[in-house]
Amino acid sequence: VQLQAFGGGLVQPGGSLRLSCAASGSIFSIKSMGWYLRPPRRQDELVAITTRDGGISYAESAKGRFTISRDNAKNAVYLEMNSLKPDDTAVYYCNARVRTNWGDEQNLWGQGTQVTVSS
């Protein structure tokens, strides 16, 4: 079972980017999918998360600018990032909490995708 993230890149302030992430493998169900920052020697920081029951949460810095969405049929999650600021520059990590076909629960991380906001 693995996660693979796509998107990211270099964008000017005020621009937009779309991050995508898909889970693959022997997945029975996915409890939640989301995006985090993982700064070194610090606690993981939630950017946005969506749960299986439709719940959505955003970091204060993301509210009104970022939109998270999920495609359950594709085991995928997306993050639409608008009105980007230089402070949004970071590596964004996809996360999924899954139950596998063997019954165990796994907390999965994608490889991280770089978002750089600069003129």
N, C-alpha and C. Protein backbone atom coordinates (compact mmCIF):
# COMPACT_ATOMS: atom_id res chain seq x y z
N VAL A 1 0.86 -1.18 0.00
CA VAL A 1 0.00 0.00 0.00
C VAL A 1 0.90 1.23 0.00
N GLN A 2 0.62 2.16 -0.88
CA GLN A 2 1.48 3.34 -0.97
C GLN A 2 0.69 4.54 -1.44
N LEU A 3 1.29 5.71 -1.19
CA LEU A 3 0.73 6.97 -1.64
C LEU A 3 1.69 7.60 -2.64
N GLN A 4 1.15 8.22 -3.64
CA GLN A 4 1.98 8.94 -4.59
C GLN A 4 1.36 10.31 -4.84
N ALA A 5 2.18 11.33 -4.68
CA ALA A 5 1.70 12.70 -4.82
C ALA A 5 2.20 13.30 -6.12
N PHE A 6 1.38 14.21 -6.67
CA PHE A 6 1.72 14.89 -7.92
C PHE A 6 1.40 16.37 -7.75
N GLY A 7 1.94 17.16 -8.68
CA GLY A 7 1.66 18.59 -8.66
C GLY A 7 2.78 19.34 -8.00
N GLY A 8 2.49 20.52 -7.52
CA GLY A 8 3.54 21.35 -6.96
C GLY A 8 4.29 22.06 -8.06
N GLY A 9 5.31 22.81 -7.65
CA GLY A 9 6.11 23.54 -8.62
C GLY A 9 6.32 24.97 -8.19
N LEU A 10 6.72 25.79 -9.15
CA LEU A 10 7.01 27.20 -8.91
C LEU A 10 5.86 28.05 -9.45
N VAL A 11 5.38 28.97 -8.64
CA VAL A 11 4.28 29.84 -9.04
C VAL A 11 4.51 31.22 -8.46
N GLN A 12 4.01 32.24 -9.15
CA GLN A 12 4.15 33.61 -8.67
C GLN A 12 3.13 33.88 -7.56
N PRO A 13 3.43 34.83 -6.69
CA PRO A 13 2.44 35.21 -5.67
C PRO A 13 1.11 35.55 -6.30
N GLY A 14 0.05 35.05 -5.68
CA GLY A 14 -1.30 35.24 -6.22
C GLY A 14 -1.74 34.15 -7.17
N GLY A 15 -0.83 33.27 -7.53
CA GLY A 15 -1.13 32.21 -8.47
C GLY A 15 -1.78 31.00 -7.80
N SER A 16 -1.97 29.97 -8.59
CA SER A 16 -2.66 28.76 -8.13
C SER A 16 -1.88 27.51 -8.50
N LEU A 17 -2.07 26.50 -7.69
CA LEU A 17 -1.51 25.17 -7.95
C LEU A 17 -2.51 24.12 -7.49
N ARG A 18 -2.40 22.95 -8.06
CA ARG A 18 -3.25 21.83 -7.66
C ARG A 18 -2.36 20.64 -7.34
N LEU A 19 -2.49 20.15 -6.12
CA LEU A 19 -1.78 18.96 -5.71
C LEU A 19 -2.73 17.76 -5.78
N SER A 20 -2.18 16.63 -6.19
CA SER A 20 -2.97 15.40 -6.26
C SER A 20 -2.22 14.30 -5.53
N CYS A 21 -2.98 13.37 -5.00
CA CYS A 21 -2.37 12.25 -4.29
C CYS A 21 -3.30 11.05 -4.44
N ALA A 22 -2.72 9.90 -4.73
CA ALA A 22 -3.52 8.70 -4.89
C ALA A 22 -2.92 7.56 -4.08
N ALA A 23 -3.79 6.80 -3.46
CA ALA A 23 -3.39 5.61 -2.72
C ALA A 23 -3.62 4.39 -3.59
N SER A 24 -2.70 3.45 -3.50
CA SER A 24 -2.84 2.23 -4.29
C SER A 24 -2.40 1.03 -3.46
N GLY A 25 -2.84 -0.15 -3.90
CA GLY A 25 -2.51 -1.36 -3.16
C GLY A 25 -3.75 -2.02 -2.60
N SER A 26 -3.53 -2.89 -1.64
CA SER A 26 -4.62 -3.68 -1.07
C SER A 26 -5.34 -2.87 0.02
N ILE A 27 -6.17 -1.96 -0.43
CA ILE A 27 -6.87 -1.06 0.47
C ILE A 27 -8.31 -1.50 0.64
N PHE A 28 -8.72 -1.69 1.88
CA PHE A 28 -10.11 -2.01 2.16
C PHE A 28 -10.93 -0.74 2.33
N SER A 29 -10.38 0.21 3.10
CA SER A 29 -11.07 1.48 3.29
C SER A 29 -10.06 2.55 3.69
N ILE A 30 -10.46 3.79 3.48
CA ILE A 30 -9.61 4.92 3.85
C ILE A 30 -10.36 5.79 4.84
N LYS A 31 -9.79 5.96 6.02
CA LYS A 31 -10.45 6.74 7.07
C LYS A 31 -10.33 8.24 6.79
N SER A 32 -9.16 8.66 6.38
CA SER A 32 -8.96 10.08 6.11
C SER A 32 -7.82 10.24 5.12
N MET A 33 -7.85 11.36 4.41
CA MET A 33 -6.77 11.74 3.52
C MET A 33 -6.56 13.24 3.70
N GLY A 34 -5.30 13.65 3.67
CA GLY A 34 -5.04 15.06 3.89
C GLY A 34 -3.65 15.46 3.48
N TRP A 35 -3.35 16.72 3.74
CA TRP A 35 -2.06 17.30 3.39
C TRP A 35 -1.45 17.95 4.62
N TYR A 36 -0.15 17.74 4.78
CA TYR A 36 0.57 18.25 5.94
C TYR A 36 1.88 18.87 5.52
N LEU A 37 2.40 19.70 6.40
CA LEU A 37 3.79 20.11 6.36
C LEU A 37 4.53 19.31 7.42
N ARG A 38 5.76 18.97 7.14
CA ARG A 38 6.55 18.16 8.07
C ARG A 38 7.91 18.83 8.28
N PRO A 39 7.92 19.96 8.94
CA PRO A 39 9.19 20.66 9.14
C PRO A 39 10.13 19.84 10.02
N PRO A 40 11.43 19.88 9.72
CA PRO A 40 12.40 19.10 10.50
C PRO A 40 12.38 19.50 11.98
N ARG A 41 12.44 18.51 12.84
CA ARG A 41 12.53 18.70 14.30
C ARG A 41 11.31 19.45 14.85
N ARG A 42 10.24 19.43 14.12
CA ARG A 42 9.00 20.04 14.62
C ARG A 42 7.84 19.10 14.36
N GLN A 43 6.72 19.39 15.00
CA GLN A 43 5.52 18.57 14.85
C GLN A 43 4.92 18.76 13.47
N ASP A 44 4.32 17.70 12.95
CA ASP A 44 3.62 17.80 11.68
C ASP A 44 2.52 18.86 11.77
N GLU A 45 2.34 19.62 10.70
CA GLU A 45 1.36 20.69 10.67
C GLU A 45 0.28 20.36 9.65
N LEU A 46 -0.94 20.31 10.10
CA LEU A 46 -2.06 20.04 9.20
C LEU A 46 -2.28 21.24 8.27
N VAL A 47 -2.46 20.94 6.99
CA VAL A 47 -2.88 21.96 6.03
C VAL A 47 -4.38 21.80 5.78
N ALA A 48 -4.79 20.57 5.44
CA ALA A 48 -6.20 20.29 5.20
C ALA A 48 -6.40 18.79 5.27
N ILE A 49 -7.59 18.38 5.69
CA ILE A 49 -7.89 16.97 5.81
C ILE A 49 -9.35 16.72 5.51
N THR A 50 -9.64 15.59 4.90
CA THR A 50 -11.01 15.18 4.66
C THR A 50 -11.19 13.76 5.15
N THR A 51 -12.29 13.51 5.84
CA THR A 51 -12.55 12.20 6.41
C THR A 51 -13.58 11.43 5.59
N ARG A 52 -13.68 10.15 5.88
CA ARG A 52 -14.57 9.29 5.10
C ARG A 52 -16.03 9.71 5.22
N ASP A 53 -16.37 10.28 6.37
CA ASP A 53 -17.76 10.70 6.55
C ASP A 53 -18.03 12.10 6.01
N GLY A 54 -17.05 12.67 5.31
CA GLY A 54 -17.26 13.96 4.66
C GLY A 54 -16.78 15.16 5.44
N GLY A 55 -16.21 14.94 6.61
CA GLY A 55 -15.69 16.05 7.39
C GLY A 55 -14.46 16.66 6.75
N ILE A 56 -14.34 17.98 6.87
CA ILE A 56 -13.20 18.70 6.30
C ILE A 56 -12.69 19.70 7.32
N SER A 57 -11.39 19.79 7.44
CA SER A 57 -10.76 20.78 8.31
C SER A 57 -9.59 21.42 7.60
N TYR A 58 -9.37 22.69 7.91
CA TYR A 58 -8.27 23.44 7.32
C TYR A 58 -7.46 24.12 8.41
N ALA A 59 -6.17 24.30 8.12
CA ALA A 59 -5.37 25.20 8.95
C ALA A 59 -5.90 26.62 8.75
N GLU A 60 -5.73 27.45 9.76
CA GLU A 60 -6.22 28.82 9.65
C GLU A 60 -5.63 29.52 8.43
N SER A 61 -4.38 29.24 8.14
CA SER A 61 -3.69 29.90 7.03
C SER A 61 -4.23 29.45 5.67
N ALA A 62 -4.92 28.31 5.65
CA ALA A 62 -5.43 27.77 4.40
C ALA A 62 -6.90 28.13 4.14
N LYS A 63 -7.59 28.50 5.18
CA LYS A 63 -9.03 28.79 5.04
C LYS A 63 -9.27 29.92 4.05
N GLY A 64 -10.22 29.70 3.16
CA GLY A 64 -10.58 30.71 2.18
C GLY A 64 -9.70 30.73 0.94
N ARG A 65 -8.56 30.01 1.00
CA ARG A 65 -7.65 30.01 -0.16
C ARG A 65 -7.45 28.61 -0.73
N PHE A 66 -7.45 27.60 0.13
CA PHE A 66 -7.22 26.23 -0.30
C PHE A 66 -8.53 25.45 -0.21
N THR A 67 -8.68 24.50 -1.13
CA THR A 67 -9.85 23.63 -1.11
C THR A 67 -9.39 22.19 -1.26
N ILE A 68 -9.79 21.36 -0.30
CA ILE A 68 -9.46 19.93 -0.38
C ILE A 68 -10.68 19.19 -0.89
N SER A 69 -10.43 18.21 -1.74
CA SER A 69 -11.52 17.38 -2.25
C SER A 69 -11.01 15.95 -2.37
N ARG A 70 -11.95 15.03 -2.49
CA ARG A 70 -11.59 13.62 -2.46
C ARG A 70 -12.41 12.86 -3.48
N ASP A 71 -11.78 11.91 -4.13
CA ASP A 71 -12.46 11.01 -5.05
C ASP A 71 -12.34 9.60 -4.47
N ASN A 72 -13.39 9.15 -3.83
CA ASN A 72 -13.33 7.85 -3.16
C ASN A 72 -13.14 6.70 -4.15
N ALA A 73 -13.68 6.84 -5.33
CA ALA A 73 -13.56 5.77 -6.32
C ALA A 73 -12.12 5.58 -6.77
N LYS A 74 -11.36 6.67 -6.73
CA LYS A 74 -9.96 6.61 -7.15
C LYS A 74 -9.00 6.58 -5.98
N ASN A 75 -9.53 6.57 -4.75
CA ASN A 75 -8.67 6.65 -3.56
C ASN A 75 -7.72 7.84 -3.66
N ALA A 76 -8.25 8.96 -4.08
CA ALA A 76 -7.43 10.13 -4.35
C ALA A 76 -7.90 11.34 -3.57
N VAL A 77 -6.97 12.24 -3.31
CA VAL A 77 -7.29 13.50 -2.65
C VAL A 77 -6.57 14.61 -3.41
N TYR A 78 -7.21 15.78 -3.45
CA TYR A 78 -6.67 16.90 -4.19
C TYR A 78 -6.64 18.13 -3.29
N LEU A 79 -5.70 19.01 -3.55
CA LEU A 79 -5.63 20.27 -2.84
C LEU A 79 -5.50 21.38 -3.86
N GLU A 80 -6.55 22.15 -4.00
CA GLU A 80 -6.55 23.32 -4.87
C GLU A 80 -6.06 24.50 -4.05
N MET A 81 -4.95 25.07 -4.49
CA MET A 81 -4.31 26.16 -3.74
C MET A 81 -4.41 27.44 -4.55
N ASN A 82 -5.12 28.42 -4.04
CA ASN A 82 -5.30 29.69 -4.72
C ASN A 82 -4.72 30.84 -3.90
N SER A 83 -4.54 31.96 -4.54
CA SER A 83 -4.02 33.16 -3.88
C SER A 83 -2.76 32.83 -3.07
N LEU A 84 -1.86 32.14 -3.72
CA LEU A 84 -0.67 31.66 -3.01
C LEU A 84 0.23 32.81 -2.60
N LYS A 85 0.86 32.62 -1.44
CA LYS A 85 1.76 33.62 -0.88
C LYS A 85 3.15 33.01 -0.71
N PRO A 86 4.17 33.85 -0.65
CA PRO A 86 5.52 33.30 -0.41
C PRO A 86 5.58 32.44 0.85
N ASP A 87 4.78 32.76 1.86
CA ASP A 87 4.78 31.97 3.10
C ASP A 87 4.24 30.56 2.90
N ASP A 88 3.58 30.31 1.78
CA ASP A 88 3.09 28.97 1.49
C ASP A 88 4.18 28.06 0.96
N THR A 89 5.34 28.62 0.68
CA THR A 89 6.45 27.82 0.17
C THR A 89 6.84 26.75 1.18
N ALA A 90 6.79 25.50 0.74
CA ALA A 90 7.08 24.38 1.63
C ALA A 90 7.00 23.09 0.83
N VAL A 91 7.40 22.00 1.47
CA VAL A 91 7.14 20.67 0.93
C VAL A 91 5.84 20.17 1.54
N TYR A 92 4.91 19.81 0.70
CA TYR A 92 3.59 19.35 1.15
C TYR A 92 3.54 17.82 1.05
N TYR A 93 3.11 17.21 2.15
CA TYR A 93 3.06 15.75 2.23
C TYR A 93 1.61 15.28 2.27
N CYS A 94 1.32 14.31 1.43
CA CYS A 94 0.02 13.67 1.46
C CYS A 94 0.01 12.60 2.56
N ASN A 95 -1.12 12.47 3.23
CA ASN A 95 -1.27 11.47 4.29
C ASN A 95 -2.58 10.74 4.12
N ALA A 96 -2.57 9.46 4.43
CA ALA A 96 -3.81 8.68 4.41
C ALA A 96 -3.78 7.66 5.54
N ARG A 97 -4.88 7.54 6.21
CA ARG A 97 -5.05 6.50 7.23
C ARG A 97 -5.96 5.43 6.62
N VAL A 98 -5.39 4.25 6.40
CA VAL A 98 -6.11 3.24 5.66
C VAL A 98 -6.24 1.96 6.46
N ARG A 99 -7.24 1.18 6.10
CA ARG A 99 -7.36 -0.21 6.57
C ARG A 99 -7.11 -1.08 5.35
N THR A 100 -6.17 -1.99 5.49
CA THR A 100 -5.82 -2.83 4.36
C THR A 100 -6.78 -4.03 4.25
N ASN A 101 -6.64 -4.75 3.18
CA ASN A 101 -7.46 -5.95 2.98
C ASN A 101 -7.13 -7.03 4.00
N TRP A 102 -5.98 -6.92 4.67
CA TRP A 102 -5.61 -7.89 5.69
C TRP A 102 -6.10 -7.47 7.07
N GLY A 103 -6.73 -6.34 7.16
CA GLY A 103 -7.34 -5.91 8.41
C GLY A 103 -6.52 -4.96 9.25
N ASP A 104 -5.27 -4.73 8.90
CA ASP A 104 -4.46 -3.83 9.71
C ASP A 104 -4.65 -2.38 9.24
N GLU A 105 -4.37 -1.47 10.16
CA GLU A 105 -4.47 -0.05 9.85
C GLU A 105 -3.07 0.52 9.63
N GLN A 106 -2.95 1.34 8.63
CA GLN A 106 -1.66 1.95 8.31
C GLN A 106 -1.81 3.45 8.17
N ASN A 107 -0.79 4.15 8.62
CA ASN A 107 -0.71 5.59 8.46
C ASN A 107 0.34 5.86 7.37
N LEU A 108 -0.12 6.25 6.20
CA LEU A 108 0.75 6.35 5.04
C LEU A 108 1.14 7.80 4.75
N TRP A 109 2.37 7.95 4.26
CA TRP A 109 2.85 9.27 3.83
C TRP A 109 3.33 9.18 2.39
N GLY A 110 2.99 10.19 1.62
CA GLY A 110 3.53 10.31 0.28
C GLY A 110 4.94 10.87 0.33
N GLN A 111 5.53 11.02 -0.84
CA GLN A 111 6.95 11.40 -0.92
C GLN A 111 7.18 12.89 -0.74
N GLY A 112 6.14 13.70 -0.68
CA GLY A 112 6.32 15.13 -0.53
C GLY A 112 6.47 15.79 -1.88
N THR A 113 5.82 16.93 -2.02
CA THR A 113 5.93 17.68 -3.26
C THR A 113 6.22 19.14 -2.93
N GLN A 114 7.18 19.71 -3.62
CA GLN A 114 7.64 21.07 -3.32
C GLN A 114 6.71 22.11 -3.95
N VAL A 115 6.30 23.06 -3.16
CA VAL A 115 5.56 24.23 -3.64
C VAL A 115 6.41 25.45 -3.34
N THR A 116 6.73 26.21 -4.37
CA THR A 116 7.54 27.41 -4.22
C THR A 116 6.77 28.60 -4.79
N VAL A 117 6.56 29.59 -3.94
CA VAL A 117 5.83 30.80 -4.36
C VAL A 117 6.82 31.95 -4.35
N SER A 118 7.14 32.43 -5.54
CA SER A 118 8.16 33.46 -5.66
C SER A 118 8.00 34.20 -6.97
N SER A 119 8.32 35.48 -6.94
CA SER A 119 8.28 36.26 -8.17
C SER A 119 9.66 36.26 -8.83
